[in-house]
Amino acid sequence: MINFRLRRWVRGGPVLAVWVVFVGATANSVRAATYAPVKAHDTRMLNIVRRYSIPVIAGQKNVAALPAMFSFWGATNQQIILKSSFSYSVAPDRIRITADDLGMKRRNYELTWNAPRTSKIVVTQKLLVKLHYDAVLYTSAWLPYAPKVLASYRVQLRKTKTINPDNPSLGPICNKILARTKWAQEVVQLTCDWINNHVTFQSGDSASSDQTLQTRRGNCEGMSRLACALLRRMGIPASKVDVKFIGADSGHAFIEAYFPDAGWVFYDPTNHLHGFESLDYLAATGWSYHVANSSGFHWYTGYFCKEKDVSPYDDRLQLMRYPMRRGPKATVAGAHVWNDPTPRNVKVRRQSISAMIMDMSVPPGVRKYSSGAEQPEKSVSTIPSAKH
């Protein structure tokens, strides 16, 4: 297979790229056709209100753990909290940041009231959030990854209760994928292809990767866990991401895969548009909170975020239906992928979302970023004071 690339350069990089691919008689060749996307970059600004009506016991100590939103960045997607303010019907006596994994990894604002004089306290958080998407991914990562990379991300490669890369039934599937390509990005896409072509989406209870593989049915969580199991078996760190759809009381799950040069990148194995183009969700928001007092430990579940676009927003990225690559049964669209090293000016995220949630050195709240920096230069307003 011969790849011939045409590029038109301007200051700052390529503005148009076309791959002309000639496929020979090799049985395992992948048919490919890449076109410039309709819109290479897009940004969405949201005003968000998170309101919690917290039942408490008057005159006693009450502790509420409310899920915290925080910023993240990456080669293709960024979610940046620009402003954050809190108000309380009764000001808390103590505020601190905590993290837990009680079925879902969460970062919390833990609020304590020593002896409130009411049976209900309302906490409101108002945020201005910027979502940004870049439709171009640069990665020249090939398998196998270096031992140092595998050692650094061993947590995202190991077996868990719901993700089992050691299932022997995964072996033949992985062998077929690896026989076609060793380019890590292509391996991820082919893995999503396989799930989309062989697993039927079925709403209902979440299943493990083993259950999803056995029944060939699963919801977004089950399909994502199976994708993670396949990728981990092939030596690509992978993690499940939980998100909330903007403007709807519903959530979704997909995956992120790690490339040594491009960092963590989103993929969605639940439909034929596997790419990372969506600006329709908020990541790491959480949709439950708990309260502890003398009556016990109580969970309250719901979607507490209400989002409104700062200015009218049309999901123009949904128009991006030009094929990136045609597989045996599926068409993948929505992004422009280059098998080239990631440019220095691209922000690369080295932590998975799940790791960031549990990393107490990465506080929630407003974040400022320097141009091209991998790490935020400063964190601001990480503790929601009563006057904040």
Protein backbone atom coordinates (compact mmCIF):
# COMPACT_ATOMS: atom_id res chain seq x y z
CA MET A 1 0.00 0.00 0.00
CA ILE A 2 1.44 3.35 -1.08
CA ASN A 3 0.50 6.57 0.72
CA PHE A 4 0.86 9.83 -1.19
CA ARG A 5 0.16 13.06 0.73
CA LEU A 6 -0.63 16.50 -0.60
CA ARG A 7 -0.45 19.48 1.75
CA ARG A 8 -0.83 23.22 1.36
CA TRP A 9 1.17 25.01 4.04
CA VAL A 10 0.65 28.37 5.66
CA ARG A 11 2.18 29.83 8.78
CA GLY A 12 1.11 27.70 11.71
CA GLY A 13 0.72 24.41 9.85
CA PRO A 14 -1.36 22.63 7.19
CA VAL A 15 -4.79 23.93 6.32
CA LEU A 16 -5.65 21.21 3.84
CA ALA A 17 -4.61 17.60 3.72
CA VAL A 18 -5.52 14.78 1.36
CA TRP A 19 -4.43 11.18 1.45
CA VAL A 20 -4.48 9.32 -1.82
CA VAL A 21 -4.22 5.63 -1.03
CA PHE A 22 -3.55 2.85 -3.49
CA VAL A 23 -4.48 -0.54 -2.11
CA GLY A 24 -2.62 -3.52 -3.44
CA ALA A 25 -3.46 -7.18 -3.24
CA THR A 26 -2.49 -7.55 0.42
CA ALA A 27 -5.40 -9.24 2.17
CA ASN A 28 -4.96 -7.30 5.39
CA SER A 29 -4.74 -3.84 3.82
CA VAL A 30 -7.11 -1.23 5.23
CA ARG A 31 -8.98 0.91 2.74
CA ALA A 32 -8.46 4.54 3.70
CA ALA A 33 -9.71 7.88 2.50
CA THR A 34 -9.13 11.01 4.55
CA TYR A 35 -10.66 14.40 3.80
CA ALA A 36 -10.33 17.78 5.43
CA PRO A 37 -13.14 18.26 7.99
CA VAL A 38 -15.89 20.84 7.54
CA LYS A 39 -14.66 22.76 10.60
CA ALA A 40 -11.20 22.14 12.03
CA HIS A 41 -11.88 23.83 15.39
CA ASP A 42 -14.98 24.62 17.38
CA THR A 43 -15.73 26.18 20.76
CA ARG A 44 -18.86 26.18 22.90
CA MET A 45 -19.44 28.41 25.93
CA LEU A 46 -21.92 27.36 28.62
CA ASN A 47 -23.51 28.99 31.61
CA ILE A 48 -24.09 26.18 34.10
CA VAL A 49 -26.13 26.17 37.30
CA ARG A 50 -25.75 23.27 39.73
CA ARG A 51 -28.33 23.39 42.52
CA TYR A 52 -28.56 20.96 45.45
CA SER A 53 -31.46 20.82 47.91
CA ILE A 54 -29.86 19.02 50.84
CA PRO A 55 -31.99 17.36 53.57
CA VAL A 56 -30.36 17.84 56.98
CA ILE A 57 -31.19 17.27 60.64
CA ALA A 58 -31.61 20.53 62.53
CA GLY A 59 -29.32 21.04 65.50
CA GLN A 60 -27.00 18.17 64.54
CA LYS A 61 -23.82 17.74 62.53
CA ASN A 62 -24.47 17.18 58.82
CA VAL A 63 -21.84 16.49 56.14
CA ALA A 64 -22.66 16.66 52.42
CA ALA A 65 -20.32 15.57 49.62
CA LEU A 66 -21.23 17.35 46.36
CA PRO A 67 -19.52 16.28 43.10
CA ALA A 68 -17.00 18.83 41.86
CA MET A 69 -16.33 19.80 38.26
CA PHE A 70 -12.80 20.54 37.13
CA SER A 71 -10.92 21.48 34.00
CA PHE A 72 -9.04 19.17 31.71
CA TRP A 73 -7.15 19.67 28.48
CA GLY A 74 -5.90 17.47 25.69
CA ALA A 75 -4.84 17.16 22.06
CA THR A 76 -8.43 17.08 20.80
CA ASN A 77 -10.77 18.14 23.62
CA GLN A 78 -10.64 20.71 26.39
CA GLN A 79 -13.11 21.54 29.15
CA ILE A 80 -12.06 24.70 30.97
CA ILE A 81 -13.86 26.27 33.93
CA LEU A 82 -13.49 30.01 33.47
CA LYS A 83 -15.67 31.19 36.37
CA SER A 84 -17.15 29.54 39.44
CA SER A 85 -19.18 30.98 42.33
CA PHE A 86 -21.12 29.43 45.23
CA SER A 87 -24.06 30.60 47.28
CA TYR A 88 -25.71 28.96 50.31
CA SER A 89 -29.01 29.32 52.10
CA VAL A 90 -26.95 28.48 55.20
CA ALA A 91 -23.19 28.97 55.03
CA PRO A 92 -21.21 25.82 55.88
CA ASP A 93 -18.94 25.75 58.92
CA ARG A 94 -16.24 23.87 57.02
CA ILE A 95 -15.37 23.20 53.39
CA ARG A 96 -12.74 20.82 52.06
CA ILE A 97 -11.93 18.88 48.88
CA THR A 98 -12.16 15.08 48.98
CA ALA A 99 -12.13 12.17 46.51
CA ASP A 100 -13.76 8.75 46.68
CA ASP A 101 -14.59 5.70 44.60
CA LEU A 102 -17.92 4.38 45.84
CA GLY A 103 -18.94 2.80 42.54
CA MET A 104 -17.86 5.83 40.49
CA LYS A 105 -14.71 7.89 40.92
CA ARG A 106 -15.66 11.37 42.13
CA ARG A 107 -14.09 14.55 43.40
CA ASN A 108 -16.18 16.24 46.09
CA TYR A 109 -16.78 19.53 47.79
CA GLU A 110 -17.33 18.26 51.33
CA LEU A 111 -19.47 20.75 53.27
CA THR A 112 -20.08 20.51 57.02
CA TRP A 113 -22.80 22.19 59.07
CA ASN A 114 -22.31 21.73 62.82
CA ALA A 115 -25.82 22.62 64.00
CA PRO A 116 -28.10 24.12 61.32
CA ARG A 117 -31.48 25.53 62.37
CA THR A 118 -33.31 24.21 59.34
CA SER A 119 -34.19 20.87 57.77
CA LYS A 120 -33.09 21.83 54.24
CA ILE A 121 -30.08 23.69 52.89
CA VAL A 122 -29.75 24.84 49.29
CA VAL A 123 -26.31 25.07 47.69
CA THR A 124 -25.96 26.69 44.26
CA GLN A 125 -22.89 26.74 42.06
CA LYS A 126 -22.73 28.91 38.92
CA LEU A 127 -20.06 28.26 36.33
CA LEU A 128 -18.87 29.55 33.00
CA VAL A 129 -17.35 26.64 31.07
CA LYS A 130 -15.53 26.62 27.77
CA LEU A 131 -15.58 23.47 25.63
CA HIS A 132 -13.09 23.35 22.78
CA TYR A 133 -12.54 20.73 20.08
CA ASP A 134 -9.76 20.32 17.54
CA ALA A 135 -10.60 18.07 14.60
CA VAL A 136 -6.98 17.15 13.92
CA LEU A 137 -5.08 14.43 15.76
CA TYR A 138 -1.36 13.90 15.29
CA THR A 139 0.08 10.62 16.52
CA SER A 140 2.86 8.43 15.19
CA ALA A 141 2.66 5.93 18.08
CA TRP A 142 3.23 2.31 17.08
CA LEU A 143 2.91 -0.91 19.05
CA PRO A 144 4.39 -2.23 21.16
CA TYR A 145 4.81 0.71 23.51
CA ALA A 146 8.08 1.16 25.37
CA PRO A 147 8.34 -0.66 28.74
CA LYS A 148 8.62 2.71 30.49
CA VAL A 149 5.24 3.80 29.09
CA LEU A 150 3.60 0.52 30.09
CA ALA A 151 5.03 0.82 33.59
CA SER A 152 3.74 4.40 33.94
CA TYR A 153 0.19 3.38 32.99
CA ARG A 154 -0.02 -0.07 34.52
CA VAL A 155 -3.23 0.93 36.35
CA GLN A 156 -4.96 1.50 33.00
CA LEU A 157 -3.65 -1.85 31.71
CA ARG A 158 -4.59 -4.16 34.54
CA LYS A 159 -7.59 -6.36 35.21
CA THR A 160 -10.45 -4.96 37.34
CA LYS A 161 -13.83 -6.25 38.50
CA THR A 162 -15.51 -5.01 35.33
CA ILE A 163 -12.65 -4.91 32.78
CA ASN A 164 -10.88 -8.22 32.13
CA PRO A 165 -8.10 -8.12 29.52
CA ASP A 166 -7.09 -11.66 30.56
CA ASN A 167 -10.20 -13.27 29.08
CA PRO A 168 -8.77 -15.84 26.60
CA SER A 169 -11.69 -15.24 24.20
CA LEU A 170 -10.23 -11.80 23.48
CA GLY A 171 -7.07 -13.31 22.00
CA PRO A 172 -8.36 -14.18 18.49
CA ILE A 173 -10.03 -10.76 18.15
CA CYS A 174 -6.85 -8.93 19.14
CA ASN A 175 -4.69 -11.10 16.86
CA LYS A 176 -6.83 -10.22 13.84
CA ILE A 177 -6.60 -6.51 14.62
CA LEU A 178 -2.84 -6.58 15.19
CA ALA A 179 -2.34 -8.55 11.98
CA ARG A 180 -3.74 -5.58 10.06
CA THR A 181 -1.81 -2.74 11.65
CA LYS A 182 0.56 -1.78 14.45
CA TRP A 183 -0.25 1.94 14.27
CA ALA A 184 -1.82 2.51 17.68
CA GLN A 185 -4.46 4.96 16.44
CA GLU A 186 -5.60 2.49 13.80
CA VAL A 187 -5.71 -0.28 16.41
CA VAL A 188 -8.08 1.82 18.52
CA GLN A 189 -10.29 2.56 15.54
CA LEU A 190 -10.40 -1.10 14.48
CA THR A 191 -11.29 -2.07 18.05
CA CYS A 192 -14.20 0.35 17.99
CA ASP A 193 -15.15 -1.04 14.56
CA TRP A 194 -15.22 -4.58 15.92
CA ILE A 195 -17.46 -3.65 18.84
CA ASN A 196 -19.77 -1.60 16.63
CA ASN A 197 -20.07 -4.47 14.16
CA HIS A 198 -20.35 -7.38 16.61
CA VAL A 199 -22.04 -6.02 19.76
CA THR A 200 -25.65 -4.89 19.73
CA PHE A 201 -26.45 -1.81 21.79
CA GLN A 202 -29.00 -2.66 24.47
CA SER A 203 -30.14 -0.28 27.17
CA GLY A 204 -30.40 -1.57 30.70
CA ASP A 205 -28.09 -2.56 33.50
CA SER A 206 -24.38 -2.12 32.97
CA ALA A 207 -22.38 -5.27 32.26
CA SER A 208 -18.75 -6.22 32.63
CA SER A 209 -16.46 -6.71 29.65
CA ASP A 210 -16.80 -10.49 30.05
CA GLN A 211 -20.61 -10.36 30.08
CA THR A 212 -20.71 -8.02 27.09
CA LEU A 213 -18.38 -10.29 25.12
CA GLN A 214 -20.37 -13.40 25.98
CA THR A 215 -23.81 -12.01 25.13
CA ARG A 216 -22.65 -9.66 22.34
CA ARG A 217 -25.05 -7.11 23.85
CA GLY A 218 -24.50 -4.16 26.15
CA ASN A 219 -25.17 -0.53 26.89
CA CYS A 220 -22.59 2.22 26.56
CA GLU A 221 -20.84 1.15 29.77
CA GLY A 222 -20.63 -2.50 28.78
CA MET A 223 -19.37 -1.68 25.30
CA SER A 224 -16.81 0.75 26.71
CA ARG A 225 -15.57 -1.81 29.23
CA LEU A 226 -15.14 -4.36 26.45
CA ALA A 227 -13.22 -1.81 24.37
CA CYS A 228 -10.93 -1.15 27.33
CA ALA A 229 -10.38 -4.88 27.84
CA LEU A 230 -9.41 -5.37 24.18
CA LEU A 231 -7.08 -2.37 24.12
CA ARG A 232 -5.42 -3.27 27.41
CA ARG A 233 -4.78 -6.78 26.12
CA MET A 234 -3.04 -5.27 23.09
CA GLY A 235 -0.90 -3.01 25.27
CA ILE A 236 -2.76 0.29 24.90
CA PRO A 237 -3.74 1.95 28.19
CA ALA A 238 -7.49 2.63 28.15
CA SER A 239 -10.04 3.97 30.60
CA LYS A 240 -13.81 4.51 30.74
CA VAL A 241 -15.14 8.08 30.88
CA ASP A 242 -18.53 9.01 32.35
CA VAL A 243 -20.24 12.14 31.03
CA LYS A 244 -23.55 14.02 31.07
CA PHE A 245 -25.26 15.13 27.88
CA ILE A 246 -25.72 18.90 27.69
CA GLY A 247 -29.33 20.00 28.01
CA ALA A 248 -30.64 16.55 28.93
CA ASP A 249 -31.07 14.54 32.11
CA SER A 250 -29.10 11.60 30.81
CA GLY A 251 -25.55 10.36 30.82
CA HIS A 252 -23.20 8.43 28.58
CA ALA A 253 -19.98 6.44 28.77
CA PHE A 254 -17.15 6.09 26.27
CA ILE A 255 -13.40 5.51 26.42
CA GLU A 256 -10.11 7.31 26.23
CA ALA A 257 -6.97 5.66 24.88
CA TYR A 258 -3.38 6.69 25.51
CA PHE A 259 -0.80 7.52 22.84
CA PRO A 260 2.72 8.30 24.07
CA ASP A 261 2.97 11.37 21.81
CA ALA A 262 -0.65 12.64 21.82
CA GLY A 263 -1.70 11.69 25.35
CA TRP A 264 -5.24 10.62 26.25
CA VAL A 265 -7.79 10.85 23.42
CA PHE A 266 -11.54 10.19 23.50
CA TYR A 267 -13.20 7.46 21.40
CA ASP A 268 -16.82 6.29 21.41
CA PRO A 269 -17.30 2.59 20.52
CA THR A 270 -21.11 2.73 20.73
CA ASN A 271 -21.75 4.10 17.24
CA HIS A 272 -20.07 4.29 13.84
CA LEU A 273 -18.74 7.82 14.49
CA HIS A 274 -15.99 6.68 16.81
CA GLY A 275 -14.07 9.94 16.83
CA PHE A 276 -13.65 12.60 19.45
CA GLU A 277 -15.61 15.45 17.88
CA SER A 278 -18.53 15.82 20.26
CA LEU A 279 -19.18 19.05 22.15
CA ASP A 280 -22.43 17.63 23.48
CA TYR A 281 -21.34 16.48 26.91
CA LEU A 282 -19.74 17.53 30.17
CA ALA A 283 -17.15 15.18 31.63
CA ALA A 284 -16.56 14.38 35.30
CA THR A 285 -19.69 16.08 36.61
CA GLY A 286 -21.17 13.34 38.79
CA TRP A 287 -24.87 12.78 39.22
CA SER A 288 -25.28 11.86 42.86
CA TYR A 289 -24.36 13.28 46.22
CA HIS A 290 -24.43 11.90 49.73
CA VAL A 291 -25.22 13.27 53.17
CA ALA A 292 -24.03 11.83 56.48
CA ASN A 293 -25.64 12.61 59.83
CA SER A 294 -26.96 10.79 62.89
CA SER A 295 -29.59 9.01 60.77
CA GLY A 296 -26.95 7.38 58.58
CA PHE A 297 -25.32 7.71 55.16
CA HIS A 298 -27.79 8.70 52.44
CA TRP A 299 -27.41 8.91 48.63
CA TYR A 300 -29.39 11.32 46.50
CA THR A 301 -29.30 10.70 42.76
CA GLY A 302 -30.18 13.02 39.90
CA TYR A 303 -28.84 15.35 37.23
CA PHE A 304 -28.20 18.58 39.08
CA CYS A 305 -26.65 20.52 36.19
CA LYS A 306 -28.66 22.90 34.01
CA GLU A 307 -26.75 24.19 31.01
CA LYS A 308 -27.46 27.09 28.68
CA ASP A 309 -25.35 28.27 25.78
CA VAL A 310 -23.92 31.76 26.22
CA SER A 311 -24.82 32.45 22.58
CA PRO A 312 -26.95 30.35 20.19
CA TYR A 313 -25.02 27.23 19.26
CA ASP A 314 -25.61 24.92 16.32
CA ASP A 315 -23.86 21.59 16.51
CA ARG A 316 -22.01 22.17 13.27
CA LEU A 317 -19.75 19.25 13.95
CA GLN A 318 -22.67 16.93 13.28
CA LEU A 319 -22.31 18.00 9.64
CA MET A 320 -18.90 16.34 9.49
CA ARG A 321 -19.83 13.20 7.62
CA TYR A 322 -16.88 12.96 5.26
CA PRO A 323 -15.23 9.55 5.70
CA MET A 324 -11.95 9.33 7.52
CA ARG A 325 -11.59 5.61 6.86
CA ARG A 326 -13.85 2.95 5.41
CA GLY A 327 -13.63 -0.34 7.25
CA PRO A 328 -15.25 -3.64 6.29
CA LYS A 329 -18.68 -2.62 7.60
CA ALA A 330 -18.37 0.82 9.16
CA THR A 331 -17.57 4.36 8.15
CA VAL A 332 -15.61 6.44 10.63
CA ALA A 333 -15.92 10.21 10.45
CA GLY A 334 -15.43 13.40 12.37
CA ALA A 335 -11.68 13.82 12.66
CA HIS A 336 -8.55 14.28 10.62
CA VAL A 337 -5.72 11.98 11.71
CA TRP A 338 -2.05 12.34 10.77
CA ASN A 339 0.52 9.63 11.33
CA ASP A 340 3.02 12.33 12.33
CA PRO A 341 4.56 13.35 15.66
CA THR A 342 2.40 15.65 17.75
CA PRO A 343 3.46 19.32 17.31
CA ARG A 344 4.99 21.07 20.30
CA ASN A 345 2.20 23.65 20.49
CA VAL A 346 -0.51 21.01 21.06
CA LYS A 347 -1.61 20.54 24.68
CA VAL A 348 -1.03 16.93 25.69
CA ARG A 349 -2.85 15.42 28.68
CA ARG A 350 -0.78 12.78 30.47
CA GLN A 351 -3.40 11.85 33.07
CA SER A 352 -6.58 9.95 32.33
CA ILE A 353 -9.84 11.51 33.50
CA SER A 354 -10.27 8.85 36.18
CA ALA A 355 -6.75 9.48 37.46
CA MET A 356 -7.31 13.24 37.54
CA ILE A 357 -10.47 12.77 39.59
CA MET A 358 -8.58 10.88 42.30
CA ASP A 359 -5.41 13.00 42.18
CA MET A 360 -5.71 15.46 45.04
CA SER A 361 -2.87 17.57 43.62
CA VAL A 362 -5.21 18.58 40.75
CA PRO A 363 -7.83 20.77 42.43
CA PRO A 364 -11.23 21.58 40.96
CA GLY A 365 -12.29 25.13 40.22
CA VAL A 366 -11.08 27.81 37.83
CA ARG A 367 -7.94 27.00 35.87
CA LYS A 368 -5.56 29.16 33.84
CA TYR A 369 -3.42 27.71 31.07
CA SER A 370 -0.34 29.05 29.36
CA SER A 371 -0.14 28.58 25.61
CA GLY A 372 1.15 25.15 24.68
CA ALA A 373 1.80 24.11 28.28
CA GLU A 374 1.14 20.55 29.36
CA GLN A 375 0.31 21.60 32.91
CA PRO A 376 -1.88 24.45 34.17
CA GLU A 377 0.22 27.42 35.20
CA LYS A 378 -2.02 28.34 38.12
CA SER A 379 -5.15 27.16 39.88
CA VAL A 380 -7.58 29.69 41.30
CA SER A 381 -10.64 29.57 43.55
CA THR A 382 -10.33 25.93 44.44
CA ILE A 383 -12.22 26.30 47.73
CA PRO A 384 -15.82 27.56 47.42
CA SER A 385 -16.04 30.11 50.23
CA ALA A 386 -19.40 31.48 51.29
CA LYS A 387 -18.67 34.80 49.56
CA HIS A 388 -16.99 33.25 46.51
